[in-house]
C-alpha atoms as a PDB file:
ATOM      1  CA  UNK A   1     -66.074 215.586  19.971  1.00  0.00           C
ATOM      2  CA  UNK A   2     -69.483 214.880  18.569  1.00  0.00           C
ATOM      3  CA  UNK A   3     -71.483 216.443  21.424  1.00  0.00           C
ATOM      4  CA  UNK A   4     -69.736 219.797  20.986  1.00  0.00           C
ATOM      5  CA  UNK A   5     -70.499 219.875  17.263  1.00  0.00           C
ATOM      6  CA  UNK A   6     -74.166 219.029  17.857  1.00  0.00           C
ATOM      7  CA  UNK A   7     -74.479 221.919  20.282  1.00  0.00           C
ATOM      8  CA  UNK A   8     -72.979 224.263  17.717  1.00  0.00           C
ATOM      9  CA  UNK A   9     -75.523 223.165  15.124  1.00  0.00           C
ATOM     10  CA  UNK A  10     -78.585 223.887  17.322  1.00  0.00           C
ATOM     11  CA  UNK A  11     -80.537 227.075  16.742  1.00  0.00           C
ATOM     12  CA  UNK A  12     -82.340 228.973  19.416  1.00  0.00           C
ATOM     13  CA  UNK A  13     -85.984 229.278  18.481  1.00  0.00           C
ATOM     14  CA  UNK A  14     -88.210 231.789  20.153  1.00  0.00           C
ATOM     15  CA  UNK A  15     -91.817 230.704  20.397  1.00  0.00           C
ATOM     16  CA  UNK A  16     -94.511 233.169  21.298  1.00  0.00           C
ATOM     17  CA  UNK A  17     -97.657 231.971  22.999  1.00  0.00           C
ATOM     18  CA  UNK A  18    -100.845 233.129  21.325  1.00  0.00           C
ATOM     19  CA  UNK A  19    -103.726 234.318  23.466  1.00  0.00           C
ATOM     20  CA  UNK A  20    -107.196 233.567  22.223  1.00  0.00           C
ATOM     21  CA  UNK A  21    -109.738 236.228  23.002  1.00  0.00           C
ATOM     22  CA  UNK A  22    -113.389 235.473  22.522  1.00  0.00           C
ATOM     23  CA  UNK A  23    -115.764 238.337  21.957  1.00  0.00           C
ATOM     24  CA  UNK A  24    -118.053 238.851  24.906  1.00  0.00           C
ATOM     25  CA  UNK A  25    -121.601 238.227  23.873  1.00  0.00           C
ATOM     26  CA  UNK A  26    -123.937 239.911  26.321  1.00  0.00           C
ATOM     27  CA  UNK A  27    -127.154 238.172  27.247  1.00  0.00           C
ATOM     28  CA  UNK A  28    -130.467 239.908  26.897  1.00  0.00           C
ATOM     29  CA  UNK A  29    -132.660 240.897  29.813  1.00  0.00           C
ATOM     30  CA  UNK A  30    -134.046 237.921  31.727  1.00  0.00           C
ATOM     31  CA  UNK A  31    -130.990 235.728  31.187  1.00  0.00           C
ATOM     32  CA  UNK A  32    -127.325 235.462  32.158  1.00  0.00           C
ATOM     33  CA  UNK A  33    -124.125 233.687  31.229  1.00  0.00           C
ATOM     34  CA  UNK A  34    -121.836 232.419  33.980  1.00  0.00           C
ATOM     35  CA  UNK A  35    -118.742 232.357  31.758  1.00  0.00           C
ATOM     36  CA  UNK A  36    -117.027 234.568  29.199  1.00  0.00           C
ATOM     37  CA  UNK A  37    -116.874 233.865  25.497  1.00  0.00           C
ATOM     38  CA  UNK A  38    -119.368 232.148  23.269  1.00  0.00           C
ATOM     39  CA  UNK A  39    -122.127 230.027  24.685  1.00  0.00           C
ATOM     40  CA  UNK A  40    -125.779 229.988  25.514  1.00  0.00           C
ATOM     41  CA  UNK A  41    -127.469 232.377  27.878  1.00  0.00           C
ATOM     42  CA  UNK A  42    -129.378 230.801  30.772  1.00  0.00           C
ATOM     43  CA  UNK A  43    -132.853 232.108  31.651  1.00  0.00           C
ATOM     44  CA  UNK A  44    -133.295 233.419  35.185  1.00  0.00           C
ATOM     45  CA  UNK A  45    -135.398 231.155  37.360  1.00  0.00           C
ATOM     46  CA  UNK A  46    -138.763 232.124  38.835  1.00  0.00           C
ATOM     47  CA  UNK A  47    -138.497 234.635  41.661  1.00  0.00           C
ATOM     48  CA  UNK A  48    -135.478 236.242  39.941  1.00  0.00           C
ATOM     49  CA  UNK A  49    -134.766 238.743  37.175  1.00  0.00           C
ATOM     50  CA  UNK A  50    -131.869 240.118  35.156  1.00  0.00           C
ATOM     51  CA  UNK A  51    -131.217 243.250  33.171  1.00  0.00           C
ATOM     52  CA  UNK A  52    -129.362 243.058  29.859  1.00  0.00           C
ATOM     53  CA  UNK A  53    -125.662 242.191  30.002  1.00  0.00           C
ATOM     54  CA  UNK A  54    -125.571 240.856  33.592  1.00  0.00           C
ATOM     55  CA  UNK A  55    -123.578 237.786  34.535  1.00  0.00           C
ATOM     56  CA  UNK A  56    -126.081 236.713  37.206  1.00  0.00           C
ATOM     57  CA  UNK A  57    -129.735 236.983  38.181  1.00  0.00           C
ATOM     58  CA  UNK A  58    -131.033 238.924  41.150  1.00  0.00           C
ATOM     59  CA  UNK A  59    -133.887 237.899  43.459  1.00  0.00           C
ATOM     60  CA  UNK A  60    -137.054 239.947  43.281  1.00  0.00           C
ATOM     61  CA  UNK A  61    -137.191 242.284  46.279  1.00  0.00           C
ATOM     62  CA  UNK A  62    -139.886 242.266  48.932  1.00  0.00           C
ATOM     63  CA  UNK A  63    -143.116 243.802  47.569  1.00  0.00           C
ATOM     64  CA  UNK A  64    -142.501 242.145  44.194  1.00  0.00           C
ATOM     65  CA  UNK A  65    -142.602 238.707  42.541  1.00  0.00           C
ATOM     66  CA  UNK A  66    -141.820 236.874  39.316  1.00  0.00           C
ATOM     67  CA  UNK A  67    -143.733 233.728  38.416  1.00  0.00           C
ATOM     68  CA  UNK A  68    -142.056 233.204  35.027  1.00  0.00           C
ATOM     69  CA  UNK A  69    -138.527 232.160  34.165  1.00  0.00           C
ATOM     70  CA  UNK A  70    -136.577 234.588  31.999  1.00  0.00           C
ATOM     71  CA  UNK A  71    -138.005 237.726  33.616  1.00  0.00           C
ATOM     72  CA  UNK A  72    -136.444 241.095  32.844  1.00  0.00           C
ATOM     73  CA  UNK A  73    -138.134 242.666  35.874  1.00  0.00           C
ATOM     74  CA  UNK A  74    -140.340 241.790  38.811  1.00  0.00           C
ATOM     75  CA  UNK A  75    -143.992 242.707  39.196  1.00  0.00           C
ATOM     76  CA  UNK A  76    -145.432 244.698  42.101  1.00  0.00           C
ATOM     77  CA  UNK A  77    -147.869 242.843  44.314  1.00  0.00           C
ATOM     78  CA  UNK A  78    -151.428 243.891  43.442  1.00  0.00           C
ATOM     79  CA  UNK A  79    -153.795 245.546  45.918  1.00  0.00           C
ATOM     80  CA  UNK A  80    -155.045 243.337  48.743  1.00  0.00           C
ATOM     81  CA  UNK A  81    -151.870 241.217  48.567  1.00  0.00           C
ATOM     82  CA  UNK A  82    -148.408 241.579  50.108  1.00  0.00           C
ATOM     83  CA  UNK A  83    -144.966 239.994  50.052  1.00  0.00           C
ATOM     84  CA  UNK A  84    -142.304 240.413  52.727  1.00  0.00           C
ATOM     85  CA  UNK A  85    -139.733 237.945  51.354  1.00  0.00           C
ATOM     86  CA  UNK A  86    -137.240 238.392  48.511  1.00  0.00           C
ATOM     87  CA  UNK A  87    -137.140 235.929  45.609  1.00  0.00           C
ATOM     88  CA  UNK A  88    -140.876 235.267  45.647  1.00  0.00           C
ATOM     89  CA  UNK A  89    -142.929 233.659  42.906  1.00  0.00           C
ATOM     90  CA  UNK A  90    -146.281 235.018  44.162  1.00  0.00           C
ATOM     91  CA  UNK A  91    -147.804 237.504  46.569  1.00  0.00           C
ATOM     92  CA  UNK A  92    -149.806 236.454  49.600  1.00  0.00           C
ATOM     93  CA  UNK A  93    -153.440 237.400  50.042  1.00  0.00           C
ATOM     94  CA  UNK A  94    -154.309 239.708  52.892  1.00  0.00           C
ATOM     95  CA  UNK A  95    -156.318 238.080  55.682  1.00  0.00           C
ATOM     96  CA  UNK A  96    -160.052 238.736  55.825  1.00  0.00           C
ATOM     97  CA  UNK A  97    -161.056 242.270  56.872  1.00  0.00           C
ATOM     98  CA  UNK A  98    -157.639 243.744  56.005  1.00  0.00           C
ATOM     99  CA  UNK A  99    -156.356 245.852  53.128  1.00  0.00           C
ATOM    100  CA  UNK A 100    -153.044 246.683  51.499  1.00  0.00           C
ATOM    101  CA  UNK A 101    -151.951 249.053  48.782  1.00  0.00           C
ATOM    102  CA  UNK A 102    -150.240 247.912  45.581  1.00  0.00           C
ATOM    103  CA  UNK A 103    -146.652 246.865  46.314  1.00  0.00           C
ATOM    104  CA  UNK A 104    -147.128 246.306  50.046  1.00  0.00           C
ATOM    105  CA  UNK A 105    -144.598 244.544  52.199  1.00  0.00           C
ATOM    106  CA  UNK A 106    -146.947 244.151  55.173  1.00  0.00           C
ATOM    107  CA  UNK A 107    -150.653 244.031  55.807  1.00  0.00           C
END
């Protein structure tokens, strides 16, 4: 029988599946990459910052701000200004006849 002879002539072939591994390229401070492997780093938006090698950006905390994209850190609010919200792009001026120290969260 022909079918039996064909089966006897077949060879079992073992195929291994190759795994591609891309080197992780860390982004510099002020940027992030939301995927592994090669590709461009994305600058953090205003009000956010990133340290080197992070895969996301963090919002600036209260008392600080960042008005530039690609920031590696946030700046403290100067004297006579304050900021009580995270992720801010500027500090708010104190009302007339009031004072605040550098980095204040309240008036």
